[in-house]
Amino acid sequence: MSQDNPGIEQILTTVKEFAEGVAQRSIGAERYDALCAAFLMGVVQRELQLGDDQNNSQLTQLQGMLGKQGDLAELYREFSSRVREGQYDEDWQTALDFAFSQVVDKVKITNPNHLETEHRSS
């Protein structure tokens, strides 16, 4: 990341605030476009803030569950394959807990306001 100001976070915040301002002064399609831009800036900010930690946590969880190393995408494919094959039928709570935590992680990025309070903190 840049060591100069403004930093990436500051730029994203400024663009988000600008788009929100445009939305407040607009109607119709222009308002919608500005609201979409502001929303997407928030998604990018949260991805930059949380994404690496979430990926590392998911990787660690999958490695533990599957008992093997690999990259995140590969391990997700393996997990999904094992679920489809019924390998978690006797221990479905483990698979459900993992899947639920992944959904919470994704919603923390896209729109944390849709989460119950206890799931909003990192």
C-alpha atoms as a PDB file:
ATOM      1  CA  MET A   1       0.000   0.000   0.000  1.00  0.00           C
ATOM      2  CA  SER A   2       1.052   3.539  -0.594  1.00  0.00           C
ATOM      3  CA  GLN A   3       2.930   5.415   2.100  1.00  0.00           C
ATOM      4  CA  ASP A   4       1.745   8.732   0.708  1.00  0.00           C
ATOM      5  CA  ASN A   5      -1.462  10.506   1.645  1.00  0.00           C
ATOM      6  CA  PRO A   6      -4.197  10.058   0.878  1.00  0.00           C
ATOM      7  CA  GLY A   7      -4.040   6.324   1.490  1.00  0.00           C
ATOM      8  CA  ILE A   8      -6.329   3.761  -0.071  1.00  0.00           C
ATOM      9  CA  GLU A   9      -8.723   3.844   2.896  1.00  0.00           C
ATOM     10  CA  GLN A  10      -8.957   7.639   2.710  1.00  0.00           C
ATOM     11  CA  ILE A  11      -9.592   7.540  -1.034  1.00  0.00           C
ATOM     12  CA  LEU A  12     -12.339   4.954  -0.657  1.00  0.00           C
ATOM     13  CA  THR A  13     -13.953   6.943   2.146  1.00  0.00           C
ATOM     14  CA  THR A  14     -13.845  10.130   0.084  1.00  0.00           C
ATOM     15  CA  VAL A  15     -15.342   8.490  -3.015  1.00  0.00           C
ATOM     16  CA  LYS A  16     -18.037   6.824  -0.878  1.00  0.00           C
ATOM     17  CA  GLU A  17     -18.954  10.150   0.771  1.00  0.00           C
ATOM     18  CA  PHE A  18     -18.943  11.890  -2.621  1.00  0.00           C
ATOM     19  CA  ALA A  19     -21.309   9.278  -4.080  1.00  0.00           C
ATOM     20  CA  GLU A  20     -23.594   9.547  -1.036  1.00  0.00           C
ATOM     21  CA  GLY A  21     -23.680  13.323  -1.521  1.00  0.00           C
ATOM     22  CA  VAL A  22     -24.556  12.936  -5.188  1.00  0.00           C
ATOM     23  CA  ALA A  23     -27.322  10.488  -4.217  1.00  0.00           C
ATOM     24  CA  GLN A  24     -28.808  12.971  -1.750  1.00  0.00           C
ATOM     25  CA  ARG A  25     -29.035  15.625  -4.465  1.00  0.00           C
ATOM     26  CA  SER A  26     -30.308  13.291  -7.178  1.00  0.00           C
ATOM     27  CA  ILE A  27     -33.390  11.413  -8.234  1.00  0.00           C
ATOM     28  CA  GLY A  28     -34.128   8.441 -10.456  1.00  0.00           C
ATOM     29  CA  ALA A  29     -31.375   6.568 -12.220  1.00  0.00           C
ATOM     30  CA  GLU A  30     -28.671   9.030 -11.169  1.00  0.00           C
ATOM     31  CA  ARG A  31     -29.579   8.543  -7.493  1.00  0.00           C
ATOM     32  CA  TYR A  32     -29.580   4.765  -7.930  1.00  0.00           C
ATOM     33  CA  ASP A  33     -26.170   4.837  -9.633  1.00  0.00           C
ATOM     34  CA  ALA A  34     -24.700   7.002  -6.870  1.00  0.00           C
ATOM     35  CA  LEU A  35     -26.125   4.741  -4.151  1.00  0.00           C
ATOM     36  CA  CYS A  36     -24.647   1.694  -5.920  1.00  0.00           C
ATOM     37  CA  ALA A  37     -21.251   3.365  -6.120  1.00  0.00           C
ATOM     38  CA  ALA A  38     -21.339   4.270  -2.414  1.00  0.00           C
ATOM     39  CA  PHE A  39     -22.402   0.729  -1.498  1.00  0.00           C
ATOM     40  CA  LEU A  40     -19.593  -0.799  -3.564  1.00  0.00           C
ATOM     41  CA  MET A  41     -17.008   1.497  -1.985  1.00  0.00           C
ATOM     42  CA  GLY A  42     -18.140   0.191   1.405  1.00  0.00           C
ATOM     43  CA  VAL A  43     -17.796  -3.404   0.188  1.00  0.00           C
ATOM     44  CA  VAL A  44     -14.246  -2.714  -1.020  1.00  0.00           C
ATOM     45  CA  GLN A  45     -13.343  -1.054   2.302  1.00  0.00           C
ATOM     46  CA  ARG A  46     -14.602  -4.024   4.291  1.00  0.00           C
ATOM     47  CA  GLU A  47     -12.879  -6.494   1.953  1.00  0.00           C
ATOM     48  CA  LEU A  48      -9.579  -4.694   2.488  1.00  0.00           C
ATOM     49  CA  GLN A  49     -10.132  -4.592   6.263  1.00  0.00           C
ATOM     50  CA  LEU A  50     -11.374  -8.153   6.786  1.00  0.00           C
ATOM     51  CA  GLY A  51     -10.590 -10.236   3.720  1.00  0.00           C
ATOM     52  CA  ASP A  52      -7.105 -11.503   4.534  1.00  0.00           C
ATOM     53  CA  ASP A  53      -8.008 -12.430   8.110  1.00  0.00           C
ATOM     54  CA  GLN A  54     -11.148 -14.209   6.922  1.00  0.00           C
ATOM     55  CA  ASN A  55      -9.226 -16.123   4.262  1.00  0.00           C
ATOM     56  CA  ASN A  56      -6.548 -17.172   6.752  1.00  0.00           C
ATOM     57  CA  SER A  57      -9.174 -18.293   9.266  1.00  0.00           C
ATOM     58  CA  GLN A  58     -11.079 -20.262   6.638  1.00  0.00           C
ATOM     59  CA  LEU A  59      -7.873 -21.872   5.399  1.00  0.00           C
ATOM     60  CA  THR A  60      -6.936 -22.950   8.928  1.00  0.00           C
ATOM     61  CA  GLN A  61     -10.423 -24.331   9.578  1.00  0.00           C
ATOM     62  CA  LEU A  62     -10.518 -26.265   6.316  1.00  0.00           C
ATOM     63  CA  GLN A  63      -7.041 -27.687   6.820  1.00  0.00           C
ATOM     64  CA  GLY A  64      -8.093 -28.912  10.264  1.00  0.00           C
ATOM     65  CA  MET A  65     -11.378 -30.399   9.062  1.00  0.00           C
ATOM     66  CA  LEU A  66      -9.922 -32.055   5.991  1.00  0.00           C
ATOM     67  CA  GLY A  67      -6.575 -33.047   7.487  1.00  0.00           C
ATOM     68  CA  LYS A  68      -4.628 -31.764   4.519  1.00  0.00           C
ATOM     69  CA  GLN A  69      -2.822 -28.714   3.194  1.00  0.00           C
ATOM     70  CA  GLY A  70      -3.712 -26.780   0.072  1.00  0.00           C
ATOM     71  CA  ASP A  71      -4.867 -23.429  -1.178  1.00  0.00           C
ATOM     72  CA  LEU A  72      -8.221 -22.053  -0.113  1.00  0.00           C
ATOM     73  CA  ALA A  73     -10.035 -22.713  -3.396  1.00  0.00           C
ATOM     74  CA  GLU A  74      -8.750 -26.295  -3.553  1.00  0.00           C
ATOM     75  CA  LEU A  75      -9.803 -26.997   0.026  1.00  0.00           C
ATOM     76  CA  TYR A  76     -13.262 -25.503  -0.550  1.00  0.00           C
ATOM     77  CA  ARG A  77     -13.709 -27.849  -3.522  1.00  0.00           C
ATOM     78  CA  GLU A  78     -12.626 -30.780  -1.352  1.00  0.00           C
ATOM     79  CA  PHE A  79     -15.005 -29.773   1.456  1.00  0.00           C
ATOM     80  CA  SER A  80     -17.908 -29.381  -0.983  1.00  0.00           C
ATOM     81  CA  SER A  81     -17.147 -32.729  -2.563  1.00  0.00           C
ATOM     82  CA  ARG A  82     -17.095 -34.449   0.831  1.00  0.00           C
ATOM     83  CA  VAL A  83     -20.420 -32.857   1.757  1.00  0.00           C
ATOM     84  CA  ARG A  84     -22.002 -34.018  -1.523  1.00  0.00           C
ATOM     85  CA  GLU A  85     -20.626 -37.530  -0.954  1.00  0.00           C
ATOM     86  CA  GLY A  86     -22.248 -37.659   2.485  1.00  0.00           C
ATOM     87  CA  GLN A  87     -19.005 -37.778   4.433  1.00  0.00           C
ATOM     88  CA  TYR A  88     -20.404 -35.364   7.021  1.00  0.00           C
ATOM     89  CA  ASP A  89     -23.755 -37.118   7.430  1.00  0.00           C
ATOM     90  CA  GLU A  90     -22.655 -38.558  10.778  1.00  0.00           C
ATOM     91  CA  ASP A  91     -21.023 -35.271  11.833  1.00  0.00           C
ATOM     92  CA  TRP A  92     -23.262 -32.767  10.087  1.00  0.00           C
ATOM     93  CA  GLN A  93     -22.868 -30.170  12.879  1.00  0.00           C
ATOM     94  CA  THR A  94     -19.199 -29.682  11.939  1.00  0.00           C
ATOM     95  CA  ALA A  95     -20.083 -29.012   8.305  1.00  0.00           C
ATOM     96  CA  LEU A  96     -23.022 -26.807   9.250  1.00  0.00           C
ATOM     97  CA  ASP A  97     -20.964 -24.742  11.704  1.00  0.00           C
ATOM     98  CA  PHE A  98     -18.261 -24.216   9.101  1.00  0.00           C
ATOM     99  CA  ALA A  99     -20.744 -23.284   6.365  1.00  0.00           C
ATOM    100  CA  PHE A 100     -22.564 -20.900   8.704  1.00  0.00           C
ATOM    101  CA  SER A 101     -19.325 -19.151   9.669  1.00  0.00           C
ATOM    102  CA  GLN A 102     -18.497 -18.705   5.975  1.00  0.00           C
ATOM    103  CA  VAL A 103     -21.876 -17.099   5.307  1.00  0.00           C
ATOM    104  CA  VAL A 104     -21.355 -14.734   8.242  1.00  0.00           C
ATOM    105  CA  ASP A 105     -17.905 -13.816   6.882  1.00  0.00           C
ATOM    106  CA  LYS A 106     -19.349 -13.052   3.456  1.00  0.00           C
ATOM    107  CA  VAL A 107     -22.175 -10.925   4.845  1.00  0.00           C
ATOM    108  CA  LYS A 108     -19.662  -9.021   7.013  1.00  0.00           C
ATOM    109  CA  ILE A 109     -18.148  -7.905   3.706  1.00  0.00           C
ATOM    110  CA  THR A 110     -21.247  -7.298   1.601  1.00  0.00           C
ATOM    111  CA  ASN A 111     -23.619  -5.784   4.158  1.00  0.00           C
ATOM    112  CA  PRO A 112     -22.954  -6.306   7.878  1.00  0.00           C
ATOM    113  CA  ASN A 113     -26.228  -4.508   8.716  1.00  0.00           C
ATOM    114  CA  HIS A 114     -28.027  -7.707   7.694  1.00  0.00           C
ATOM    115  CA  LEU A 115     -26.347  -9.628  10.531  1.00  0.00           C
ATOM    116  CA  GLU A 116     -27.585 -10.006  14.058  1.00  0.00           C
ATOM    117  CA  THR A 117     -25.541  -7.923  16.492  1.00  0.00           C
ATOM    118  CA  GLU A 118     -23.583 -10.882  17.859  1.00  0.00           C
ATOM    119  CA  HIS A 119     -22.232 -11.686  14.377  1.00  0.00           C
ATOM    120  CA  ARG A 120     -21.169  -8.161  13.396  1.00  0.00           C
ATOM    121  CA  SER A 121     -17.942  -7.962  15.377  1.00  0.00           C
ATOM    122  CA  SER A 122     -14.811  -9.442  13.870  1.00  0.00           C
END
